[in-house]
Structure formats: C-alpha cells, structure tokens
Amino acid sequence: MPFYEKGDVRIHYEEVGSGFPLLMIPGGGLNSDISFLNEKGPFNAFESFKDEFRCISMDLRNANGGQSTGPLEVDRPWDSYTDDQLGLMDHLGIDKFLVMGFCIGGPFIWNMLRRAPNRVVAAVLAQPSGSRPEMRDLFYNNNMTGWGPALCAKRPEITMATVDAFLTRMYRTDPDFVFTVSRDFVRQCKTPLLVLPDDVPAHPYAVAMESVRLAPNAQVSLYPWKDPKDLIPLALRHVRTFLRANTPVR
C-alpha cells in the first residue's frame, strides 16, 4: 500500500489505469476514504475510468475508515486538506490533472481551483456538498457525532475541544454557499466544470445549480441521474465525454 509522507502527515493513496491523470476525491465527508470509490458511491469510479485515465485517489487525512493521518490544523482546515491533495500530485510528479470529486469533494475542488488554478485542467463535481440557509449547522453537528468521537478514541492527543474548534472554523466561520470560495470567485472561474447535482440535506440542489449558473464554463448533467439506476450510464457517458473533451493533447 503506497503512502505519501510529509512531516507529520502520512497519506495513503492508490492509483490504477493509465493515461492523463484524474484525481478522484471520495465522498463521505470527513470520513472520506478510497472505499467510497469502489464500494459506497453511486458507481465504481476506478472501474469506470481506469481504461482511459490514470486514476489516483487517497484517504482523507484522519478519516476514521482510512489510513491517512496528520494533525488537526484548527486555523486552516480546508487548506490543510488541499495541501495533502496537491502534495500527493507533487509526490507523483504530476503538474496538470483532471479532478472528480464527490460530496465534500465539491468544496475541495473549489479550494483547489483557488489555490492552483493553472494545475486543474477541468473538474467534475458529483453530488457536491453545499450550505443550506435553513440547516447551517448540519455539517458541524454531523461531524461532532459521526467523526470527532471516533477520532479522539483512536488519537488520545486529540480532544473534542480541538475537534469543536476545527469544525467551527471549517463549517461555522463562513457557513455560506460552497464553504471554500465566494460567489464572486465562481463568477470569475474559467475552468471547465461539469456538475452532477443531488438533492439531499448535505448536497443541496439549489447550491449546485447556482454554481452552474455563475461559473462561465460550467455545464450540468441530467437530473436525477442516480435513481433509477439505469440513468447512471447516461451520466457516466456525459462525464467521460467531458473529460475527453478537456484532456490536453500530448
């Protein structure tokens, strides 16, 4: 099992297939790990794209089901995760790449576009997370119960007070829209985007569609695309066409 290490951060990653690099960010919130792509997601992402792309993914730092570890950087939670994602691509010698993210992968992609706009060639945001005005504390509450206690049980040096501070900075300090960037940033983002919307509490349809309307080079898939399941191949066809169209010619 390959690991990327930098200081006190240790990231478990996997890669399959060959072709232009495609970074895949699993869903699952702060418990995001590679098993989502193989078992828990709406489709098997590795199997769907390894025939044409070099598919790379990683367990999120400190995901309870994963093998990646590192400190909780209370003052910069989103950026600490982006450090890991960009650092892994550096470790693999990859400059430019495609990215596809599920769930929490949406805010991560926006932060990556803010941090490294010249490296991300195009992005697919599948069932992206976003903030509902009527449920501003949804992600804070979910992680205070579904992530923090198990992490503290494994890592005695991490306390629930630290988890509270980390989640407060992550989800309560700027609890609007897609968490990591502003609407003005999205309006000015020229990167080609494909959004596959969802509509459950953590994946608000309204936020996904607002990002599509604001981003100048965004397009949207059919909706719904996951249910019934015979719609999924149509969505995958759209994703593959989008990725092909935006893969640089070598």
C-alpha atoms as a PDB file:
ATOM      1  CA  MET A   1       0.000   0.000   0.000  1.00  0.00           C
ATOM      2  CA  PRO A   2       1.673   3.242  -1.076  1.00  0.00           C
ATOM      3  CA  PHE A   3       1.967   6.201   1.290  1.00  0.00           C
ATOM      4  CA  TYR A   4       2.997   9.801   0.738  1.00  0.00           C
ATOM      5  CA  GLU A   5       4.654  11.390   3.761  1.00  0.00           C
ATOM      6  CA  LYS A   6       5.460  15.000   4.502  1.00  0.00           C
ATOM      7  CA  GLY A   7       6.434  15.975   8.010  1.00  0.00           C
ATOM      8  CA  ASP A   8       3.878  14.527  10.418  1.00  0.00           C
ATOM      9  CA  VAL A   9       1.334  13.891   7.649  1.00  0.00           C
ATOM     10  CA  ARG A  10       1.034  10.384   6.195  1.00  0.00           C
ATOM     11  CA  ILE A  11      -1.364   9.894   3.261  1.00  0.00           C
ATOM     12  CA  HIS A  12      -2.498   6.518   1.967  1.00  0.00           C
ATOM     13  CA  TYR A  13      -3.221   6.598  -1.769  1.00  0.00           C
ATOM     14  CA  GLU A  14      -3.947   4.278  -4.651  1.00  0.00           C
ATOM     15  CA  GLU A  15      -3.678   4.599  -8.417  1.00  0.00           C
ATOM     16  CA  VAL A  16      -4.959   2.408 -11.227  1.00  0.00           C
ATOM     17  CA  GLY A  17      -5.068   2.679 -15.000  1.00  0.00           C
ATOM     18  CA  SER A  18      -3.026   4.776 -17.370  1.00  0.00           C
ATOM     19  CA  GLY A  19      -3.488   7.928 -19.385  1.00  0.00           C
ATOM     20  CA  PHE A  20      -3.914  11.558 -18.394  1.00  0.00           C
ATOM     21  CA  PRO A  21      -4.046  11.923 -14.563  1.00  0.00           C
ATOM     22  CA  LEU A  22      -7.504  12.039 -12.950  1.00  0.00           C
ATOM     23  CA  LEU A  23      -7.550  12.807  -9.236  1.00  0.00           C
ATOM     24  CA  MET A  24     -10.661  11.314  -7.611  1.00  0.00           C
ATOM     25  CA  ILE A  25     -11.851  12.712  -4.275  1.00  0.00           C
ATOM     26  CA  PRO A  26     -14.150  10.257  -2.482  1.00  0.00           C
ATOM     27  CA  GLY A  27     -17.338  11.262  -0.731  1.00  0.00           C
ATOM     28  CA  GLY A  28     -18.146  10.559   2.880  1.00  0.00           C
ATOM     29  CA  GLY A  29     -17.452  13.924   4.487  1.00  0.00           C
ATOM     30  CA  LEU A  30     -14.515  13.923   6.886  1.00  0.00           C
ATOM     31  CA  ASN A  31     -14.625  10.116   6.770  1.00  0.00           C
ATOM     32  CA  SER A  32     -13.846  10.232   3.042  1.00  0.00           C
ATOM     33  CA  ASP A  33     -11.739   7.231   2.038  1.00  0.00           C
ATOM     34  CA  ILE A  34     -10.964   5.204  -1.054  1.00  0.00           C
ATOM     35  CA  SER A  35     -13.605   2.564  -0.284  1.00  0.00           C
ATOM     36  CA  PHE A  36     -16.255   5.102  -1.326  1.00  0.00           C
ATOM     37  CA  LEU A  37     -14.987   4.939  -4.900  1.00  0.00           C
ATOM     38  CA  ASN A  38     -15.005   1.146  -5.003  1.00  0.00           C
ATOM     39  CA  GLU A  39     -17.991   0.206  -2.866  1.00  0.00           C
ATOM     40  CA  LYS A  40     -20.078   3.016  -1.400  1.00  0.00           C
ATOM     41  CA  GLY A  41     -20.548   5.570  -4.173  1.00  0.00           C
ATOM     42  CA  PRO A  42     -23.233   5.705  -6.862  1.00  0.00           C
ATOM     43  CA  PHE A  43     -20.853   3.916  -9.261  1.00  0.00           C
ATOM     44  CA  ASN A  44     -17.415   2.296  -9.119  1.00  0.00           C
ATOM     45  CA  ALA A  45     -15.258   5.236 -10.124  1.00  0.00           C
ATOM     46  CA  PHE A  46     -11.991   3.344 -10.567  1.00  0.00           C
ATOM     47  CA  GLU A  47     -13.593   0.698 -12.762  1.00  0.00           C
ATOM     48  CA  SER A  48     -15.464   3.316 -14.781  1.00  0.00           C
ATOM     49  CA  PHE A  49     -12.424   5.340 -15.826  1.00  0.00           C
ATOM     50  CA  LYS A  50      -9.229   3.291 -15.401  1.00  0.00           C
ATOM     51  CA  ASP A  51      -9.365   2.191 -19.042  1.00  0.00           C
ATOM     52  CA  GLU A  52      -8.672   5.724 -20.227  1.00  0.00           C
ATOM     53  CA  PHE A  53      -7.187   7.700 -17.328  1.00  0.00           C
ATOM     54  CA  ARG A  54      -4.542   7.362 -14.637  1.00  0.00           C
ATOM     55  CA  CYS A  55      -6.950   7.333 -11.693  1.00  0.00           C
ATOM     56  CA  ILE A  56      -5.493   8.491  -8.374  1.00  0.00           C
ATOM     57  CA  SER A  57      -7.221   8.721  -5.015  1.00  0.00           C
ATOM     58  CA  MET A  58      -6.411   8.970  -1.321  1.00  0.00           C
ATOM     59  CA  ASP A  59      -7.893   8.536   2.118  1.00  0.00           C
ATOM     60  CA  LEU A  60      -8.636  11.916   3.642  1.00  0.00           C
ATOM     61  CA  ARG A  61      -6.374  12.875   6.496  1.00  0.00           C
ATOM     62  CA  ASN A  62      -7.862  11.463   9.736  1.00  0.00           C
ATOM     63  CA  ALA A  63     -10.838   9.756   8.087  1.00  0.00           C
ATOM     64  CA  ASN A  64     -11.935   7.099  10.582  1.00  0.00           C
ATOM     65  CA  GLY A  65     -12.169   4.334   7.978  1.00  0.00           C
ATOM     66  CA  GLY A  66      -8.961   5.286   6.210  1.00  0.00           C
ATOM     67  CA  GLN A  67      -5.218   5.029   6.782  1.00  0.00           C
ATOM     68  CA  SER A  68      -4.155   8.683   6.366  1.00  0.00           C
ATOM     69  CA  THR A  69      -3.095  10.588   9.468  1.00  0.00           C
ATOM     70  CA  GLY A  70      -1.947  14.058  10.410  1.00  0.00           C
ATOM     71  CA  PRO A  71      -2.603  16.923  12.784  1.00  0.00           C
ATOM     72  CA  LEU A  72      -5.845  18.868  13.003  1.00  0.00           C
ATOM     73  CA  GLU A  73      -4.861  22.309  11.725  1.00  0.00           C
ATOM     74  CA  VAL A  74      -7.522  24.303  13.522  1.00  0.00           C
ATOM     75  CA  ASP A  75      -6.717  27.621  11.839  1.00  0.00           C
ATOM     76  CA  ARG A  76      -6.761  26.253   8.276  1.00  0.00           C
ATOM     77  CA  PRO A  77      -8.883  23.108   7.980  1.00  0.00           C
ATOM     78  CA  TRP A  78      -9.794  23.335   4.291  1.00  0.00           C
ATOM     79  CA  ASP A  79      -6.297  24.367   3.258  1.00  0.00           C
ATOM     80  CA  SER A  80      -4.684  21.534   5.220  1.00  0.00           C
ATOM     81  CA  TYR A  81      -6.632  19.001   3.165  1.00  0.00           C
ATOM     82  CA  THR A  82      -5.798  20.840  -0.067  1.00  0.00           C
ATOM     83  CA  ASP A  83      -2.124  20.711   0.961  1.00  0.00           C
ATOM     84  CA  ASP A  84      -2.419  16.921   1.078  1.00  0.00           C
ATOM     85  CA  GLN A  85      -4.136  16.677  -2.308  1.00  0.00           C
ATOM     86  CA  LEU A  86      -1.720  18.961  -4.129  1.00  0.00           C
ATOM     87  CA  GLY A  87       1.209  17.460  -2.222  1.00  0.00           C
ATOM     88  CA  LEU A  88       0.289  13.977  -3.419  1.00  0.00           C
ATOM     89  CA  MET A  89       0.244  15.163  -7.024  1.00  0.00           C
ATOM     90  CA  ASP A  90       3.662  16.759  -6.494  1.00  0.00           C
ATOM     91  CA  HIS A  91       4.909  13.496  -4.980  1.00  0.00           C
ATOM     92  CA  LEU A  92       3.746  11.624  -8.100  1.00  0.00           C
ATOM     93  CA  GLY A  93       5.429  14.147 -10.384  1.00  0.00           C
ATOM     94  CA  ILE A  94       2.125  15.386 -11.812  1.00  0.00           C
ATOM     95  CA  ASP A  95       1.712  19.047 -12.715  1.00  0.00           C
ATOM     96  CA  LYS A  96      -1.616  19.304 -14.563  1.00  0.00           C
ATOM     97  CA  PHE A  97      -4.549  16.965 -13.945  1.00  0.00           C
ATOM     98  CA  LEU A  98      -8.275  16.436 -14.151  1.00  0.00           C
ATOM     99  CA  VAL A  99     -10.246  16.102 -10.926  1.00  0.00           C
ATOM    100  CA  MET A 100     -13.553  14.476  -9.999  1.00  0.00           C
ATOM    101  CA  GLY A 101     -14.951  14.901  -6.503  1.00  0.00           C
ATOM    102  CA  PHE A 102     -17.984  13.511  -4.717  1.00  0.00           C
ATOM    103  CA  CYS A 103     -19.811  15.183  -1.836  1.00  0.00           C
ATOM    104  CA  ILE A 104     -17.115  17.002   0.186  1.00  0.00           C
ATOM    105  CA  GLY A 105     -15.059  16.823  -3.000  1.00  0.00           C
ATOM    106  CA  GLY A 106     -17.092  19.798  -4.249  1.00  0.00           C
ATOM    107  CA  PRO A 107     -15.725  22.295  -1.688  1.00  0.00           C
ATOM    108  CA  PHE A 108     -12.292  20.683  -2.016  1.00  0.00           C
ATOM    109  CA  ILE A 109     -12.322  21.240  -5.785  1.00  0.00           C
ATOM    110  CA  TRP A 110     -13.301  24.881  -5.379  1.00  0.00           C
ATOM    111  CA  ASN A 111     -10.458  25.371  -2.915  1.00  0.00           C
ATOM    112  CA  MET A 112      -8.045  23.633  -5.293  1.00  0.00           C
ATOM    113  CA  LEU A 113      -9.178  25.928  -8.103  1.00  0.00           C
ATOM    114  CA  ARG A 114      -8.491  28.889  -5.828  1.00  0.00           C
ATOM    115  CA  ARG A 115      -5.086  27.602  -4.787  1.00  0.00           C
ATOM    116  CA  ALA A 116      -3.819  26.059  -8.044  1.00  0.00           C
ATOM    117  CA  PRO A 117      -5.963  27.274 -10.963  1.00  0.00           C
ATOM    118  CA  ASN A 118      -3.284  26.519 -13.543  1.00  0.00           C
ATOM    119  CA  ARG A 119      -2.951  22.873 -12.495  1.00  0.00           C
ATOM    120  CA  VAL A 120      -6.594  21.754 -12.621  1.00  0.00           C
ATOM    121  CA  VAL A 121      -7.456  21.284 -16.296  1.00  0.00           C
ATOM    122  CA  ALA A 122     -11.164  20.548 -15.724  1.00  0.00           C
ATOM    123  CA  ALA A 123     -13.328  19.331 -12.850  1.00  0.00           C
ATOM    124  CA  VAL A 124     -16.382  17.141 -12.263  1.00  0.00           C
ATOM    125  CA  LEU A 125     -18.391  17.887  -9.117  1.00  0.00           C
ATOM    126  CA  ALA A 126     -20.677  14.942  -8.343  1.00  0.00           C
ATOM    127  CA  GLN A 127     -23.412  15.386  -5.712  1.00  0.00           C
ATOM    128  CA  PRO A 128     -21.438  18.339  -4.266  1.00  0.00           C
ATOM    129  CA  SER A 129     -21.811  19.496  -0.690  1.00  0.00           C
ATOM    130  CA  GLY A 130     -23.177  22.951  -0.002  1.00  0.00           C
ATOM    131  CA  SER A 131     -24.718  25.038   2.732  1.00  0.00           C
ATOM    132  CA  ARG A 132     -28.486  25.248   3.241  1.00  0.00           C
ATOM    133  CA  PRO A 133     -29.632  28.500   4.898  1.00  0.00           C
ATOM    134  CA  GLU A 134     -32.166  26.540   6.954  1.00  0.00           C
ATOM    135  CA  MET A 135     -29.546  23.962   8.086  1.00  0.00           C
ATOM    136  CA  ARG A 136     -26.350  25.947   8.639  1.00  0.00           C
ATOM    137  CA  ASP A 137     -25.061  23.618  11.372  1.00  0.00           C
ATOM    138  CA  LEU A 138     -25.734  20.355   9.527  1.00  0.00           C
ATOM    139  CA  PHE A 139     -22.079  19.523   8.808  1.00  0.00           C
ATOM    140  CA  TYR A 140     -20.853  20.708  12.200  1.00  0.00           C
ATOM    141  CA  ASN A 141     -23.407  18.557  14.020  1.00  0.00           C
ATOM    142  CA  ASN A 142     -22.869  15.509  11.797  1.00  0.00           C
ATOM    143  CA  ASN A 143     -19.118  15.560  12.342  1.00  0.00           C
ATOM    144  CA  MET A 144     -19.343  16.263  16.077  1.00  0.00           C
ATOM    145  CA  THR A 145     -21.118  12.926  16.368  1.00  0.00           C
ATOM    146  CA  GLY A 146     -20.034  10.883  13.331  1.00  0.00           C
ATOM    147  CA  TRP A 147     -16.347  11.819  13.073  1.00  0.00           C
ATOM    148  CA  GLY A 148     -14.917  13.508  16.154  1.00  0.00           C
ATOM    149  CA  PRO A 149     -15.606  10.935  18.913  1.00  0.00           C
ATOM    150  CA  ALA A 150     -14.140   8.007  16.958  1.00  0.00           C
ATOM    151  CA  LEU A 151     -11.080  10.071  16.022  1.00  0.00           C
ATOM    152  CA  CYS A 152     -10.491  11.051  19.660  1.00  0.00           C
ATOM    153  CA  ALA A 153     -10.841   7.415  20.721  1.00  0.00           C
ATOM    154  CA  LYS A 154      -8.044   6.437  18.314  1.00  0.00           C
ATOM    155  CA  ARG A 155      -5.882   9.510  18.937  1.00  0.00           C
ATOM    156  CA  PRO A 156      -5.786  10.408  22.651  1.00  0.00           C
ATOM    157  CA  GLU A 157      -3.792  13.567  21.898  1.00  0.00           C
ATOM    158  CA  ILE A 158      -6.828  14.977  20.056  1.00  0.00           C
ATOM    159  CA  THR A 159      -9.635  16.244  22.289  1.00  0.00           C
ATOM    160  CA  MET A 160     -13.247  17.044  21.489  1.00  0.00           C
ATOM    161  CA  ALA A 161     -12.435  20.667  22.290  1.00  0.00           C
ATOM    162  CA  THR A 162      -9.935  20.625  19.419  1.00  0.00           C
ATOM    163  CA  VAL A 163     -12.484  18.892  17.177  1.00  0.00           C
ATOM    164  CA  ASP A 164     -15.023  21.593  18.064  1.00  0.00           C
ATOM    165  CA  ALA A 165     -12.572  24.366  17.189  1.00  0.00           C
ATOM    166  CA  PHE A 166     -11.611  22.634  13.923  1.00  0.00           C
ATOM    167  CA  LEU A 167     -15.223  22.117  12.829  1.00  0.00           C
ATOM    168  CA  THR A 168     -16.226  25.601  13.907  1.00  0.00           C
ATOM    169  CA  ARG A 169     -13.530  27.094  11.688  1.00  0.00           C
ATOM    170  CA  MET A 170     -14.420  24.716   8.855  1.00  0.00           C
ATOM    171  CA  TYR A 171     -18.198  24.992   8.814  1.00  0.00           C
ATOM    172  CA  ARG A 172     -19.348  27.876  11.032  1.00  0.00           C
ATOM    173  CA  THR A 173     -16.926  30.723  10.323  1.00  0.00           C
ATOM    174  CA  ASP A 174     -18.130  31.199   6.734  1.00  0.00           C
ATOM    175  CA  PRO A 175     -21.176  28.922   6.563  1.00  0.00           C
ATOM    176  CA  ASP A 176     -22.498  30.012   3.178  1.00  0.00           C
ATOM    177  CA  PHE A 177     -22.649  28.627  -0.366  1.00  0.00           C
ATOM    178  CA  VAL A 178     -19.827  26.085  -1.024  1.00  0.00           C
ATOM    179  CA  PHE A 179     -17.770  26.922   2.129  1.00  0.00           C
ATOM    180  CA  THR A 180     -14.384  27.419   0.473  1.00  0.00           C
ATOM    181  CA  VAL A 181     -14.901  30.202  -2.105  1.00  0.00           C
ATOM    182  CA  SER A 182     -17.233  33.125  -2.714  1.00  0.00           C
ATOM    183  CA  ARG A 183     -19.785  33.622  -5.445  1.00  0.00           C
ATOM    184  CA  ASP A 184     -17.501  36.269  -6.926  1.00  0.00           C
ATOM    185  CA  PHE A 185     -14.736  33.680  -7.248  1.00  0.00           C
ATOM    186  CA  VAL A 186     -17.088  31.272  -9.032  1.00  0.00           C
ATOM    187  CA  ARG A 187     -18.176  34.035 -11.437  1.00  0.00           C
ATOM    188  CA  GLN A 188     -14.559  34.565 -12.440  1.00  0.00           C
ATOM    189  CA  CYS A 189     -13.517  30.900 -12.607  1.00  0.00           C
ATOM    190  CA  LYS A 190     -12.766  29.971 -16.222  1.00  0.00           C
ATOM    191  CA  THR A 191     -12.007  26.283 -15.592  1.00  0.00           C
ATOM    192  CA  PRO A 192     -14.375  23.892 -17.421  1.00  0.00           C
ATOM    193  CA  LEU A 193     -16.748  22.306 -14.908  1.00  0.00           C
ATOM    194  CA  LEU A 194     -19.367  19.573 -15.026  1.00  0.00           C
ATOM    195  CA  VAL A 195     -21.819  19.367 -12.117  1.00  0.00           C
ATOM    196  CA  LEU A 196     -23.915  16.289 -11.305  1.00  0.00           C
ATOM    197  CA  PRO A 197     -26.447  17.668  -8.808  1.00  0.00           C
ATOM    198  CA  ASP A 198     -28.087  15.857  -5.941  1.00  0.00           C
ATOM    199  CA  ASP A 199     -30.812  16.962  -3.534  1.00  0.00           C
ATOM    200  CA  VAL A 200     -30.368  15.609  -0.027  1.00  0.00           C
ATOM    201  CA  PRO A 201     -29.671  17.732   3.072  1.00  0.00           C
ATOM    202  CA  ALA A 202     -25.876  17.669   2.627  1.00  0.00           C
ATOM    203  CA  HIS A 203     -25.987  18.037  -1.190  1.00  0.00           C
ATOM    204  CA  PRO A 204     -28.428  20.870  -1.904  1.00  0.00           C
ATOM    205  CA  TYR A 205     -29.689  21.072  -5.480  1.00  0.00           C
ATOM    206  CA  ALA A 206     -30.080  24.856  -5.234  1.00  0.00           C
ATOM    207  CA  VAL A 207     -26.410  25.419  -4.409  1.00  0.00           C
ATOM    208  CA  ALA A 208     -25.221  23.065  -7.154  1.00  0.00           C
ATOM    209  CA  MET A 209     -27.364  24.839  -9.733  1.00  0.00           C
ATOM    210  CA  GLU A 210     -26.335  28.284  -8.519  1.00  0.00           C
ATOM    211  CA  SER A 211     -22.689  27.351  -9.083  1.00  0.00           C
ATOM    212  CA  VAL A 212     -23.566  26.174 -12.606  1.00  0.00           C
ATOM    213  CA  ARG A 213     -25.309  29.456 -13.374  1.00  0.00           C
ATOM    214  CA  LEU A 214     -22.438  31.547 -12.009  1.00  0.00           C
ATOM    215  CA  ALA A 215     -19.407  29.727 -13.439  1.00  0.00           C
ATOM    216  CA  PRO A 216     -18.841  30.840 -17.056  1.00  0.00           C
ATOM    217  CA  ASN A 217     -17.625  27.445 -18.335  1.00  0.00           C
ATOM    218  CA  ALA A 218     -19.904  25.151 -16.343  1.00  0.00           C
ATOM    219  CA  GLN A 219     -22.362  22.574 -17.607  1.00  0.00           C
ATOM    220  CA  VAL A 220     -24.792  20.321 -15.787  1.00  0.00           C
ATOM    221  CA  SER A 221     -25.760  16.678 -16.197  1.00  0.00           C
ATOM    222  CA  LEU A 222     -29.272  15.287 -16.353  1.00  0.00           C
ATOM    223  CA  TYR A 223     -31.147  15.308 -13.046  1.00  0.00           C
ATOM    224  CA  PRO A 224     -31.922  12.991 -11.411  1.00  0.00           C
ATOM    225  CA  TRP A 225     -29.014  10.828 -12.526  1.00  0.00           C
ATOM    226  CA  LYS A 226     -28.684   8.200  -9.760  1.00  0.00           C
ATOM    227  CA  ASP A 227     -32.250   6.948  -9.352  1.00  0.00           C
ATOM    228  CA  PRO A 228     -33.433   4.902 -11.117  1.00  0.00           C
ATOM    229  CA  LYS A 229     -30.051   3.254 -11.544  1.00  0.00           C
ATOM    230  CA  ASP A 230     -30.454   2.849 -15.302  1.00  0.00           C
ATOM    231  CA  LEU A 231     -29.781   6.600 -15.552  1.00  0.00           C
ATOM    232  CA  ILE A 232     -26.250   6.224 -14.179  1.00  0.00           C
ATOM    233  CA  PRO A 233     -24.742   5.009 -17.501  1.00  0.00           C
ATOM    234  CA  LEU A 234     -26.074   8.169 -19.169  1.00  0.00           C
ATOM    235  CA  ALA A 235     -24.404  10.335 -16.550  1.00  0.00           C
ATOM    236  CA  LEU A 236     -21.167   8.375 -16.911  1.00  0.00           C
ATOM    237  CA  ARG A 237     -21.277   8.876 -20.663  1.00  0.00           C
ATOM    238  CA  HIS A 238     -21.566  12.627 -20.081  1.00  0.00           C
ATOM    239  CA  VAL A 239     -18.657  12.581 -17.613  1.00  0.00           C
ATOM    240  CA  ARG A 240     -16.441  10.609 -19.990  1.00  0.00           C
ATOM    241  CA  THR A 241     -17.270  12.905 -22.919  1.00  0.00           C
ATOM    242  CA  PHE A 242     -16.496  15.939 -20.743  1.00  0.00           C
ATOM    243  CA  LEU A 243     -13.182  14.517 -19.532  1.00  0.00           C
ATOM    244  CA  ARG A 244     -12.131  13.525 -23.045  1.00  0.00           C
ATOM    245  CA  ALA A 245     -13.005  16.954 -24.416  1.00  0.00           C
ATOM    246  CA  ASN A 246     -10.824  18.636 -21.792  1.00  0.00           C
ATOM    247  CA  THR A 247      -7.855  16.265 -21.799  1.00  0.00           C
ATOM    248  CA  PRO A 248      -4.825  18.077 -23.229  1.00  0.00           C
ATOM    249  CA  VAL A 249      -3.342  16.629 -26.383  1.00  0.00           C
ATOM    250  CA  ARG A 250       0.104  15.248 -25.633  1.00  0.00           C
END
